[in-house]
Amino acid sequence: MAQSMNDGLNTRTDAQERPGQGIGGALVALFDTVATWNERRRQRRALEALPDHLLQDIGLSRADAVTEADKPFWQG
């Protein structure tokens, strides 16, 4: 009984899990990709802005931070 009640609550799935969903699925996938790129860019800029002592705390050098920040946003 409880299982059948919960079945209706989980209606949203990722676009990649719903093949053939048309333009809506493609737009969701595009939005997710752009959001991922933006977050990656934001995190790389934040990493680059960290002072050397904080980079050392997380085991990175300034060169490591610069190398990561210089990557294009689309590269993982």
N, C-alpha and C. Protein backbone atom coordinates (compact mmCIF):
# COMPACT_ATOMS: atom_id res chain seq x y z
N MET A 1 0.82 -1.20 0.00
CA MET A 1 0.00 0.00 0.00
C MET A 1 0.86 1.27 0.00
N ALA A 2 1.83 1.32 0.93
CA ALA A 2 2.70 2.50 1.00
C ALA A 2 3.53 2.63 -0.28
N GLN A 3 3.94 1.53 -0.85
CA GLN A 3 4.72 1.57 -2.09
C GLN A 3 3.89 2.18 -3.22
N SER A 4 2.64 1.83 -3.33
CA SER A 4 1.82 2.36 -4.41
C SER A 4 1.56 3.85 -4.23
N MET A 5 1.52 4.33 -2.98
CA MET A 5 1.34 5.76 -2.74
C MET A 5 2.58 6.54 -3.13
N ASN A 6 3.76 5.97 -2.92
CA ASN A 6 5.00 6.65 -3.24
C ASN A 6 5.32 6.63 -4.73
N ASP A 7 4.74 5.71 -5.47
CA ASP A 7 5.02 5.62 -6.90
C ASP A 7 4.66 6.90 -7.63
N GLY A 8 3.62 7.55 -7.25
CA GLY A 8 3.17 8.77 -7.91
C GLY A 8 3.99 9.99 -7.54
N LEU A 9 4.78 9.92 -6.47
CA LEU A 9 5.54 11.08 -6.02
C LEU A 9 6.84 11.26 -6.79
N ASN A 10 7.40 10.21 -7.31
CA ASN A 10 8.67 10.28 -8.01
C ASN A 10 8.43 10.36 -9.52
N THR A 11 7.96 11.52 -9.97
CA THR A 11 7.60 11.65 -11.38
C THR A 11 8.71 12.28 -12.21
N ARG A 12 9.66 13.01 -11.58
CA ARG A 12 10.72 13.67 -12.34
C ARG A 12 11.95 12.78 -12.40
N THR A 13 12.46 12.61 -13.60
CA THR A 13 13.72 11.90 -13.80
C THR A 13 14.60 12.76 -14.68
N ASP A 14 15.87 12.48 -14.71
CA ASP A 14 16.79 13.23 -15.56
C ASP A 14 16.48 12.98 -17.02
N ALA A 15 16.78 13.98 -17.84
CA ALA A 15 16.49 13.88 -19.28
C ALA A 15 17.22 12.72 -19.91
N GLN A 16 18.40 12.40 -19.41
CA GLN A 16 19.17 11.30 -19.98
C GLN A 16 18.52 9.96 -19.69
N GLU A 17 17.70 9.88 -18.66
CA GLU A 17 17.01 8.64 -18.33
C GLU A 17 15.70 8.49 -19.08
N ARG A 18 15.29 9.54 -19.81
CA ARG A 18 14.01 9.52 -20.53
C ARG A 18 14.25 9.68 -22.03
N PRO A 19 14.71 8.66 -22.69
CA PRO A 19 14.95 8.80 -24.13
C PRO A 19 13.65 9.06 -24.87
N GLY A 20 13.75 9.86 -25.90
CA GLY A 20 12.59 10.12 -26.75
C GLY A 20 11.60 11.11 -26.16
N GLN A 21 12.03 11.99 -25.28
CA GLN A 21 11.13 12.96 -24.67
C GLN A 21 11.02 14.24 -25.49
N GLY A 22 11.62 14.27 -26.65
CA GLY A 22 11.45 15.40 -27.56
C GLY A 22 12.20 16.64 -27.14
N ILE A 23 11.65 17.78 -27.54
CA ILE A 23 12.31 19.07 -27.34
C ILE A 23 12.43 19.41 -25.86
N GLY A 24 11.47 19.01 -25.05
CA GLY A 24 11.53 19.28 -23.60
C GLY A 24 12.73 18.61 -22.96
N GLY A 25 12.95 17.36 -23.30
CA GLY A 25 14.09 16.64 -22.76
C GLY A 25 15.40 17.24 -23.23
N ALA A 26 15.44 17.66 -24.48
CA ALA A 26 16.64 18.29 -25.02
C ALA A 26 16.92 19.62 -24.32
N LEU A 27 15.88 20.39 -24.04
CA LEU A 27 16.06 21.66 -23.35
C LEU A 27 16.54 21.45 -21.92
N VAL A 28 16.00 20.45 -21.25
CA VAL A 28 16.45 20.14 -19.88
C VAL A 28 17.92 19.73 -19.90
N ALA A 29 18.29 18.89 -20.85
CA ALA A 29 19.69 18.46 -20.96
C ALA A 29 20.60 19.64 -21.26
N LEU A 30 20.16 20.54 -22.14
CA LEU A 30 20.94 21.73 -22.47
C LEU A 30 21.11 22.62 -21.23
N PHE A 31 20.03 22.85 -20.51
CA PHE A 31 20.09 23.66 -19.30
C PHE A 31 21.04 23.04 -18.28
N ASP A 32 20.96 21.73 -18.09
CA ASP A 32 21.85 21.05 -17.15
C ASP A 32 23.31 21.21 -17.56
N THR A 33 23.58 21.10 -18.85
CA THR A 33 24.95 21.25 -19.34
C THR A 33 25.47 22.66 -19.10
N VAL A 34 24.67 23.66 -19.41
CA VAL A 34 25.08 25.05 -19.21
C VAL A 34 25.28 25.33 -17.72
N ALA A 35 24.41 24.80 -16.88
CA ALA A 35 24.56 24.99 -15.43
C ALA A 35 25.85 24.34 -14.92
N THR A 36 26.17 23.17 -15.45
CA THR A 36 27.41 22.49 -15.07
C THR A 36 28.62 23.30 -15.50
N TRP A 37 28.60 23.83 -16.72
CA TRP A 37 29.70 24.65 -17.20
C TRP A 37 29.87 25.90 -16.34
N ASN A 38 28.77 26.55 -15.99
CA ASN A 38 28.84 27.76 -15.18
C ASN A 38 29.41 27.46 -13.80
N GLU A 39 28.96 26.38 -13.19
CA GLU A 39 29.47 26.01 -11.87
C GLU A 39 30.95 25.67 -11.93
N ARG A 40 31.37 24.98 -12.97
CA ARG A 40 32.78 24.64 -13.14
C ARG A 40 33.63 25.91 -13.27
N ARG A 41 33.15 26.86 -14.06
CA ARG A 41 33.86 28.14 -14.22
C ARG A 41 33.96 28.87 -12.89
N ARG A 42 32.86 28.91 -12.15
CA ARG A 42 32.83 29.60 -10.85
C ARG A 42 33.80 28.97 -9.86
N GLN A 43 33.83 27.66 -9.80
CA GLN A 43 34.72 26.96 -8.87
C GLN A 43 36.18 27.16 -9.25
N ARG A 44 36.48 27.18 -10.53
CA ARG A 44 37.87 27.39 -10.96
C ARG A 44 38.34 28.79 -10.63
N ARG A 45 37.48 29.77 -10.79
CA ARG A 45 37.85 31.15 -10.43
C ARG A 45 38.05 31.27 -8.92
N ALA A 46 37.21 30.61 -8.12
CA ALA A 46 37.36 30.63 -6.67
C ALA A 46 38.65 29.95 -6.25
N LEU A 47 38.99 28.84 -6.88
CA LEU A 47 40.24 28.14 -6.58
C LEU A 47 41.43 29.03 -6.89
N GLU A 48 41.39 29.69 -8.02
CA GLU A 48 42.49 30.56 -8.42
C GLU A 48 42.66 31.73 -7.45
N ALA A 49 41.58 32.18 -6.83
CA ALA A 49 41.63 33.32 -5.92
C ALA A 49 42.10 32.96 -4.52
N LEU A 50 42.18 31.67 -4.20
CA LEU A 50 42.60 31.28 -2.86
C LEU A 50 44.05 31.69 -2.60
N PRO A 51 44.33 32.12 -1.37
CA PRO A 51 45.73 32.42 -1.03
C PRO A 51 46.56 31.14 -0.94
N ASP A 52 47.87 31.29 -1.05
CA ASP A 52 48.77 30.13 -1.10
C ASP A 52 48.64 29.24 0.13
N HIS A 53 48.45 29.82 1.31
CA HIS A 53 48.38 28.97 2.51
C HIS A 53 47.13 28.08 2.51
N LEU A 54 46.04 28.54 1.93
CA LEU A 54 44.85 27.70 1.83
C LEU A 54 45.00 26.64 0.75
N LEU A 55 45.67 26.98 -0.34
CA LEU A 55 45.95 25.98 -1.36
C LEU A 55 46.83 24.87 -0.77
N GLN A 56 47.81 25.26 0.02
CA GLN A 56 48.68 24.28 0.65
C GLN A 56 47.87 23.37 1.59
N ASP A 57 46.89 23.93 2.27
CA ASP A 57 46.04 23.13 3.17
C ASP A 57 45.29 22.03 2.42
N ILE A 58 44.92 22.29 1.18
CA ILE A 58 44.19 21.26 0.41
C ILE A 58 45.11 20.48 -0.52
N GLY A 59 46.42 20.69 -0.38
CA GLY A 59 47.39 19.89 -1.11
C GLY A 59 47.64 20.33 -2.53
N LEU A 60 47.42 21.61 -2.82
CA LEU A 60 47.66 22.13 -4.18
C LEU A 60 48.70 23.24 -4.13
N SER A 61 49.41 23.37 -5.23
CA SER A 61 50.35 24.48 -5.37
C SER A 61 49.65 25.60 -6.16
N ARG A 62 50.29 26.75 -6.19
CA ARG A 62 49.76 27.86 -6.99
C ARG A 62 49.72 27.45 -8.46
N ALA A 63 50.73 26.73 -8.90
CA ALA A 63 50.78 26.27 -10.30
C ALA A 63 49.61 25.33 -10.60
N ASP A 64 49.27 24.45 -9.65
CA ASP A 64 48.12 23.55 -9.84
C ASP A 64 46.83 24.36 -9.99
N ALA A 65 46.67 25.36 -9.15
CA ALA A 65 45.46 26.18 -9.19
C ALA A 65 45.36 26.95 -10.51
N VAL A 66 46.48 27.50 -10.95
CA VAL A 66 46.50 28.25 -12.22
C VAL A 66 46.21 27.32 -13.39
N THR A 67 46.83 26.14 -13.36
CA THR A 67 46.59 25.16 -14.43
C THR A 67 45.12 24.79 -14.51
N GLU A 68 44.50 24.54 -13.37
CA GLU A 68 43.06 24.20 -13.36
C GLU A 68 42.21 25.38 -13.82
N ALA A 69 42.54 26.58 -13.37
CA ALA A 69 41.76 27.77 -13.73
C ALA A 69 41.89 28.10 -15.21
N ASP A 70 42.98 27.71 -15.82
CA ASP A 70 43.18 28.00 -17.24
C ASP A 70 42.46 27.05 -18.17
N LYS A 71 41.89 25.98 -17.63
CA LYS A 71 41.15 25.04 -18.47
C LYS A 71 39.86 25.69 -18.98
N PRO A 72 39.46 25.37 -20.18
CA PRO A 72 38.16 25.86 -20.68
C PRO A 72 37.01 25.29 -19.86
N PHE A 73 35.94 26.03 -19.76
CA PHE A 73 34.81 25.63 -18.93
C PHE A 73 34.20 24.30 -19.34
N TRP A 74 34.34 23.92 -20.59
CA TRP A 74 33.71 22.69 -21.06
C TRP A 74 34.56 21.46 -20.74
N GLN A 75 35.80 21.65 -20.31
CA GLN A 75 36.64 20.51 -19.95
C GLN A 75 36.42 20.12 -18.50
N GLY A 76 36.23 18.83 -18.28
CA GLY A 76 36.01 18.33 -16.93
C GLY A 76 37.25 18.16 -16.15
